[in-house]
């Protein structure tokens, strides 16, 4: 009995002791599980943050790249930059240069715009001919003269490439000055051609000033410095001087026409008087060669129907500046001195 009791007592003594460690280990396990849960949550938060930052960086890089691309394209258009070799991509074609509006120091009729386009068109190995499509009432003899000189130079430098002019509505005065430098001139039967003359126009306000009692106070250093002043009387001396200058420019104009047209020209007493004629009549007079359009000349004369435009068009910055009046100061100055400039129009 005693043995059993002792054994049972021993077992009974041992049971609480053996159960104690098991009971003590349960809180530790719960703590470890809680720690793992917190770590997993933190890891997920960190990875989510990193993922969001990477996505944000990728979008940032994307928008920066798009912005840079837009800037590059804008600068390329403004500076007329070509990123591909025209000789490799354009192939055999007819080069086109357009002049629209007055021949003056700004716009499509300016020498600084037309001359680079001419050089680019002639130097391209793919162009087989150059066509100037023009529609202008005329303008500056200086701008027209510079363009003609470059046309003559390029024709000599590229004798295998003909230079043609195709007239739209009107090709008068300074515009015809330019056209005369081409190999051939094509017109519409109703186009207006000619006006081979020079003028200098303006207004005189001396009569009105006397009536309203306005006194003109003009001080000059040099007796002719007030030449063509609209608020001062026009003297015979100044009138004769101006007429002599106009006659000189007129002779330059006539010489360009005679040189350019050669034996095709059928001179009449009125040819260089400033009159103008229809396209049909101009062909009879030798001022033009035939009827034609840009497409028909490229197709039937040049035999290269693909037409590539080499015209240097006005860029976005210029359009924006002009829209908001940045050129108003220059326009005011231009209007103030226009009356003393000879004009081929």
Protein backbone atom coordinates (compact mmCIF):
# COMPACT_ATOMS: atom_id res chain seq x y z
CA UNK A 1 0.00 0.00 0.00
CA UNK A 2 2.78 2.37 0.97
CA UNK A 3 4.57 1.79 -2.29
CA UNK A 4 1.53 2.55 -4.32
CA UNK A 5 0.84 5.57 -2.27
CA UNK A 6 4.35 6.81 -2.62
CA UNK A 7 4.34 6.14 -6.29
CA UNK A 8 1.01 7.82 -6.71
CA UNK A 9 2.17 10.60 -4.54
CA UNK A 10 5.31 10.84 -6.58
CA UNK A 11 3.30 10.90 -9.73
CA UNK A 12 1.00 13.42 -8.23
CA UNK A 13 3.94 15.54 -7.20
CA UNK A 14 5.44 15.35 -10.59
CA UNK A 15 2.31 16.19 -12.57
CA UNK A 16 2.01 19.84 -11.50
CA UNK A 17 5.68 20.34 -12.06
CA UNK A 18 5.60 18.81 -15.49
CA UNK A 19 2.51 20.76 -16.46
CA UNK A 20 4.01 24.07 -15.45
CA UNK A 21 6.45 24.40 -18.36
CA UNK A 22 3.73 23.57 -20.86
CA UNK A 23 1.50 26.25 -19.43
CA UNK A 24 4.37 28.72 -19.33
CA UNK A 25 5.27 28.15 -23.05
CA UNK A 26 1.82 29.15 -24.40
CA UNK A 27 2.18 32.97 -23.88
CA UNK A 28 5.60 32.92 -25.55
CA UNK A 29 4.12 31.29 -28.65
CA UNK A 30 1.36 33.89 -28.81
CA UNK A 31 3.97 36.66 -28.51
CA UNK A 32 6.00 35.21 -31.38
CA UNK A 33 2.91 34.97 -33.56
CA UNK A 34 2.00 38.57 -32.74
CA UNK A 35 5.55 39.65 -33.59
CA UNK A 36 5.43 37.83 -36.95
CA UNK A 37 2.11 39.48 -37.79
CA UNK A 38 3.47 42.95 -37.10
CA UNK A 39 6.57 42.24 -39.18
CA UNK A 40 4.49 41.00 -42.10
CA UNK A 41 2.31 44.10 -41.95
CA UNK A 42 5.38 46.35 -41.83
CA UNK A 43 6.97 44.49 -44.73
CA UNK A 44 3.81 44.86 -46.79
CA UNK A 45 3.63 48.55 -45.99
CA UNK A 46 7.29 49.04 -46.93
CA UNK A 47 6.95 47.11 -50.18
CA UNK A 48 3.76 48.96 -51.06
CA UNK A 49 5.49 52.28 -50.40
CA UNK A 50 8.49 51.28 -52.52
CA UNK A 51 6.19 50.09 -55.30
CA UNK A 52 4.28 53.37 -55.22
CA UNK A 53 7.53 55.37 -55.29
CA UNK A 54 8.78 53.36 -58.28
CA UNK A 55 5.51 53.90 -60.12
CA UNK A 56 5.66 57.59 -59.30
CA UNK A 57 9.22 57.80 -60.61
CA UNK A 58 8.26 55.95 -63.78
CA UNK A 59 5.38 58.35 -64.44
CA UNK A 60 7.64 61.29 -63.63
CA UNK A 61 10.23 60.04 -66.13
CA UNK A 62 7.50 59.47 -68.70
CA UNK A 63 6.08 62.99 -68.41
CA UNK A 64 9.56 64.52 -68.44
CA UNK A 65 10.40 62.55 -71.59
CA UNK A 66 7.18 63.68 -73.26
CA UNK A 67 7.87 67.30 -72.30
CA UNK A 68 11.43 67.04 -73.64
CA UNK A 69 10.15 65.51 -76.87
CA UNK A 70 7.64 68.34 -77.32
CA UNK A 71 10.39 70.91 -76.75
CA UNK A 72 12.70 69.20 -79.25
CA UNK A 73 9.95 68.99 -81.88
CA UNK A 74 9.05 72.64 -81.29
CA UNK A 75 12.67 73.77 -81.62
CA UNK A 76 13.10 71.64 -84.72
CA UNK A 77 10.08 73.25 -86.35
CA UNK A 78 11.19 76.75 -85.32
CA UNK A 79 14.81 76.31 -86.47
CA UNK A 80 13.83 74.24 -89.53
CA UNK A 81 16.04 71.34 -88.43
CA UNK A 82 15.89 68.15 -90.46
CA UNK A 83 16.73 64.99 -88.53
CA UNK A 84 16.94 62.75 -91.58
CA UNK A 85 19.08 63.00 -94.65
CA UNK A 86 16.87 64.40 -97.41
CA UNK A 87 19.09 62.80 -100.02
CA UNK A 88 18.23 59.37 -98.60
CA UNK A 89 14.53 59.82 -97.93
CA UNK A 90 13.06 62.30 -100.43
CA UNK A 91 14.03 60.61 -103.67
CA UNK A 92 13.41 62.15 -107.08
CA UNK A 93 11.05 65.11 -106.74
CA UNK A 94 10.11 68.64 -107.76
CA UNK A 95 11.21 71.26 -105.24
CA UNK A 96 8.61 73.92 -104.42
CA UNK A 97 9.12 77.41 -102.96
CA UNK A 98 6.11 79.64 -102.36
CA UNK A 99 5.99 83.45 -102.17
CA UNK A 100 2.71 84.96 -101.02
CA UNK A 101 2.10 88.66 -100.45
CA UNK A 102 4.33 91.71 -100.66
CA UNK A 103 8.03 91.46 -101.43
CA UNK A 104 9.51 93.05 -98.33
CA UNK A 105 12.00 92.46 -95.54
CA UNK A 106 9.53 90.27 -93.61
CA UNK A 107 7.23 87.47 -94.69
CA UNK A 108 7.49 84.82 -97.40
CA UNK A 109 8.79 87.38 -99.92
CA UNK A 110 11.82 88.42 -97.87
CA UNK A 111 15.26 87.64 -99.29
CA UNK A 112 16.26 86.19 -95.91
CA UNK A 113 13.43 83.66 -96.28
CA UNK A 114 13.56 82.89 -100.01
CA UNK A 115 17.34 82.61 -100.48
CA UNK A 116 17.93 79.84 -97.88
CA UNK A 117 15.00 77.92 -99.35
CA UNK A 118 16.48 78.25 -102.85
CA UNK A 119 19.87 77.00 -101.68
CA UNK A 120 18.32 74.04 -99.90
CA UNK A 121 16.16 73.13 -102.89
CA UNK A 122 19.01 73.31 -105.41
CA UNK A 123 21.53 71.47 -103.20
CA UNK A 124 19.23 68.51 -102.56
CA UNK A 125 20.36 65.70 -104.86
CA UNK A 126 16.79 64.41 -105.07
CA UNK A 127 15.35 67.58 -106.60
CA UNK A 128 15.33 67.58 -110.39
CA UNK A 129 13.84 71.08 -110.78
CA UNK A 130 12.81 74.04 -108.64
CA UNK A 131 9.38 75.67 -108.97
CA UNK A 132 8.65 79.04 -107.41
CA UNK A 133 4.91 79.48 -106.89
CA UNK A 134 4.34 83.22 -106.51
CA UNK A 135 1.37 85.48 -105.89
CA UNK A 136 2.39 89.06 -105.15
CA UNK A 137 1.68 92.66 -106.22
CA UNK A 138 5.36 93.56 -105.77
CA UNK A 139 7.32 95.46 -103.17
CA UNK A 140 10.92 96.26 -102.36
CA UNK A 141 13.40 96.51 -105.27
CA UNK A 142 16.19 95.66 -102.81
CA UNK A 143 14.60 92.38 -101.67
CA UNK A 144 13.66 91.47 -105.25
CA UNK A 145 17.16 92.28 -106.48
CA UNK A 146 18.84 90.09 -103.86
CA UNK A 147 16.55 87.17 -104.70
CA UNK A 148 17.18 87.52 -108.45
CA UNK A 149 20.95 87.65 -107.95
CA UNK A 150 20.81 84.40 -105.98
CA UNK A 151 18.58 82.79 -108.60
CA UNK A 152 21.09 83.64 -111.32
CA UNK A 153 23.98 82.31 -109.22
CA UNK A 154 22.24 79.01 -108.46
CA UNK A 155 21.20 78.50 -112.08
CA UNK A 156 24.86 78.77 -113.07
CA UNK A 157 25.95 76.48 -110.24
CA UNK A 158 23.32 73.83 -111.04
CA UNK A 159 22.86 74.02 -114.81
CA UNK A 160 21.06 70.65 -114.92
CA UNK A 161 18.28 71.88 -112.61
CA UNK A 162 15.81 74.25 -114.28
CA UNK A 163 14.13 76.99 -112.29
CA UNK A 164 10.50 77.69 -113.14
CA UNK A 165 8.01 80.29 -111.90
CA UNK A 166 4.30 79.50 -111.66
CA UNK A 167 2.06 82.54 -111.20
CA UNK A 168 -1.16 82.39 -109.23
CA UNK A 169 -3.43 85.48 -109.21
CA UNK A 170 -0.89 88.25 -109.73
CA UNK A 171 2.77 88.72 -110.56
CA UNK A 172 3.32 92.46 -110.81
CA UNK A 173 6.20 94.87 -110.43
CA UNK A 174 8.69 93.54 -107.86
CA UNK A 175 7.18 90.08 -108.18
CA UNK A 176 7.79 90.11 -111.92
CA UNK A 177 11.31 91.39 -111.20
CA UNK A 178 11.86 88.02 -109.47
CA UNK A 179 10.00 85.98 -112.08
CA UNK A 180 12.19 87.34 -114.86
CA UNK A 181 15.15 85.53 -113.29
CA UNK A 182 13.64 82.08 -113.95
CA UNK A 183 14.10 79.79 -116.93
CA UNK A 184 10.40 79.80 -117.76
CA UNK A 185 7.25 81.52 -116.47
CA UNK A 186 3.89 79.72 -116.35
CA UNK A 187 0.62 81.62 -115.83
CA UNK A 188 -3.12 81.25 -115.79
CA UNK A 189 -4.93 82.96 -118.65
CA UNK A 190 -6.52 85.40 -116.18
CA UNK A 191 -3.40 86.10 -114.10
CA UNK A 192 -2.22 89.71 -113.85
CA UNK A 193 1.32 90.15 -115.21
CA UNK A 194 3.61 93.15 -115.66
CA UNK A 195 3.58 96.61 -114.07
CA UNK A 196 7.26 97.10 -114.90
CA UNK A 197 7.78 100.43 -113.20
CA UNK A 198 8.86 102.13 -109.98
CA UNK A 199 7.01 104.48 -107.67
CA UNK A 200 7.56 106.54 -104.56
CA UNK A 201 4.36 107.65 -102.88
CA UNK A 202 3.30 109.58 -99.84
CA UNK A 203 1.16 112.47 -98.61
CA UNK A 204 1.65 116.20 -98.18
CA UNK A 205 -0.15 118.01 -95.35
CA UNK A 206 1.13 121.56 -95.81
CA UNK A 207 -2.21 122.92 -97.11
CA UNK A 208 -4.18 121.52 -94.18
CA UNK A 209 -1.58 122.79 -91.73
CA UNK A 210 -1.94 126.34 -93.10
CA UNK A 211 -5.73 126.21 -92.83
CA UNK A 212 -5.77 125.04 -89.22
CA UNK A 213 -2.81 127.21 -88.21
CA UNK A 214 -0.29 124.45 -87.48
CA UNK A 215 3.36 125.40 -87.77
CA UNK A 216 5.95 122.79 -88.76
CA UNK A 217 9.13 123.15 -86.70
CA UNK A 218 11.77 121.01 -88.39
CA UNK A 219 15.44 121.49 -87.59
CA UNK A 220 18.05 119.67 -89.68
CA UNK A 221 21.82 119.48 -90.02
CA UNK A 222 22.22 119.20 -93.79
CA UNK A 223 20.06 121.11 -96.24
CA UNK A 224 18.46 117.96 -97.70
CA UNK A 225 17.88 116.07 -94.46
CA UNK A 226 14.16 116.90 -94.55
CA UNK A 227 13.85 115.38 -98.03
CA UNK A 228 10.29 114.05 -98.64
CA UNK A 229 9.05 115.20 -95.24
CA UNK A 230 5.23 115.08 -95.54
CA UNK A 231 4.81 118.22 -93.42
CA UNK A 232 7.18 120.36 -95.50
CA UNK A 233 6.72 121.68 -99.07
CA UNK A 234 8.26 119.56 -101.85
CA UNK A 235 10.86 121.65 -103.64
CA UNK A 236 11.67 121.32 -107.35
CA UNK A 237 15.19 120.27 -106.45
CA UNK A 238 13.97 117.38 -104.30
CA UNK A 239 11.40 116.36 -106.89
CA UNK A 240 14.05 116.20 -109.63
CA UNK A 241 16.37 114.22 -107.37
CA UNK A 242 13.65 111.70 -106.51
CA UNK A 243 12.70 111.33 -110.17
CA UNK A 244 16.30 110.67 -111.16
CA UNK A 245 16.56 107.94 -108.50
CA UNK A 246 13.32 106.32 -109.68
CA UNK A 247 14.54 106.38 -113.29
CA UNK A 248 17.77 104.67 -112.27
CA UNK A 249 15.93 101.87 -110.46
CA UNK A 250 13.54 101.58 -113.39
CA UNK A 251 16.46 100.99 -115.76
CA UNK A 252 17.78 98.29 -113.43
CA UNK A 253 14.37 96.64 -113.55
CA UNK A 254 14.23 96.82 -117.36
CA UNK A 255 17.70 95.34 -117.63
CA UNK A 256 16.73 92.38 -115.44
CA UNK A 257 13.66 91.73 -117.61
CA UNK A 258 15.60 91.99 -120.86
CA UNK A 259 18.36 89.74 -119.61
CA UNK A 260 16.00 87.16 -118.19
CA UNK A 261 13.55 87.00 -121.08
CA UNK A 262 16.04 87.51 -123.90
CA UNK A 263 14.75 87.08 -127.42
CA UNK A 264 11.39 85.87 -126.20
CA UNK A 265 10.52 89.45 -125.25
CA UNK A 266 8.47 91.34 -127.84
CA UNK A 267 8.97 94.90 -126.70
CA UNK A 268 6.31 97.54 -127.23
CA UNK A 269 6.27 101.22 -126.20
CA UNK A 270 4.00 100.36 -123.28
CA UNK A 271 5.88 97.30 -122.02
CA UNK A 272 7.96 99.20 -119.46
CA UNK A 273 5.42 101.93 -118.75
CA UNK A 274 3.92 100.32 -115.64
CA UNK A 275 0.91 98.79 -117.38
CA UNK A 276 -0.09 95.20 -116.67
CA UNK A 277 -1.78 92.52 -118.76
CA UNK A 278 -3.62 89.22 -118.48
CA UNK A 279 -1.72 85.97 -118.46
CA UNK A 280 -2.93 85.17 -121.97
CA UNK A 281 -1.71 88.53 -123.30
CA UNK A 282 1.59 88.24 -121.43
CA UNK A 283 2.39 85.04 -123.35
CA UNK A 284 1.84 86.86 -126.65
CA UNK A 285 4.18 89.65 -125.46
CA UNK A 286 6.90 87.27 -124.32
CA UNK A 287 6.51 88.20 -120.67
CA UNK A 288 5.46 84.62 -119.92
CA UNK A 289 5.93 81.27 -121.68
CA UNK A 290 2.87 79.07 -121.27
CA UNK A 291 -0.15 78.16 -119.18
CA UNK A 292 0.46 75.91 -116.23
CA UNK A 293 0.03 75.13 -112.55
CA UNK A 294 2.45 73.70 -110.01
CA UNK A 295 1.00 70.22 -110.50
CA UNK A 296 0.98 70.36 -114.29
CA UNK A 297 4.54 71.67 -114.46
CA UNK A 298 5.77 68.96 -112.08
CA UNK A 299 3.88 66.28 -114.00
CA UNK A 300 4.28 67.33 -117.64
CA UNK A 301 7.43 69.47 -117.72
CA UNK A 302 9.66 68.23 -114.90
CA UNK A 303 8.35 64.65 -115.08
CA UNK A 304 8.54 64.36 -111.28
CA UNK A 305 5.06 64.40 -109.76
CA UNK A 306 6.29 64.17 -106.16
CA UNK A 307 6.42 67.77 -104.87
CA UNK A 308 8.43 68.70 -101.78
CA UNK A 309 7.85 72.12 -100.21
CA UNK A 310 11.09 73.91 -99.22
CA UNK A 311 9.38 77.14 -98.16
CA UNK A 312 10.56 78.45 -94.81
CA UNK A 313 7.32 78.99 -92.95
CA UNK A 314 6.87 81.35 -90.04
CA UNK A 315 7.40 79.66 -86.68
CA UNK A 316 5.13 79.62 -83.65
CA UNK A 317 7.09 82.26 -81.68
CA UNK A 318 6.71 84.81 -84.47
CA UNK A 319 2.99 84.12 -84.76
CA UNK A 320 2.50 84.53 -81.01
CA UNK A 321 4.53 87.74 -80.86
CA UNK A 322 2.66 89.25 -83.78
CA UNK A 323 -0.68 88.19 -82.36
CA UNK A 324 -0.03 90.09 -79.14
CA UNK A 325 1.34 93.16 -80.88
CA UNK A 326 5.08 92.79 -80.36
CA UNK A 327 5.66 94.06 -83.88
CA UNK A 328 3.64 97.25 -83.42
CA UNK A 329 6.72 99.40 -82.83
CA UNK A 330 8.39 98.15 -85.98
CA UNK A 331 5.16 98.67 -87.90
CA UNK A 332 4.88 102.25 -86.73
CA UNK A 333 8.45 102.97 -87.76
CA UNK A 334 7.88 101.29 -91.11
CA UNK A 335 4.81 103.42 -91.84
CA UNK A 336 6.74 106.55 -90.94
CA UNK A 337 9.46 105.94 -93.54
CA UNK A 338 7.53 104.12 -96.26
CA UNK A 339 6.87 107.31 -98.16
CA UNK A 340 10.58 107.82 -98.91
CA UNK A 341 11.29 104.30 -100.19
CA UNK A 342 11.07 103.40 -103.89
CA UNK A 343 8.67 100.55 -104.48
CA UNK A 344 8.16 98.08 -107.30
CA UNK A 345 4.38 97.77 -107.04
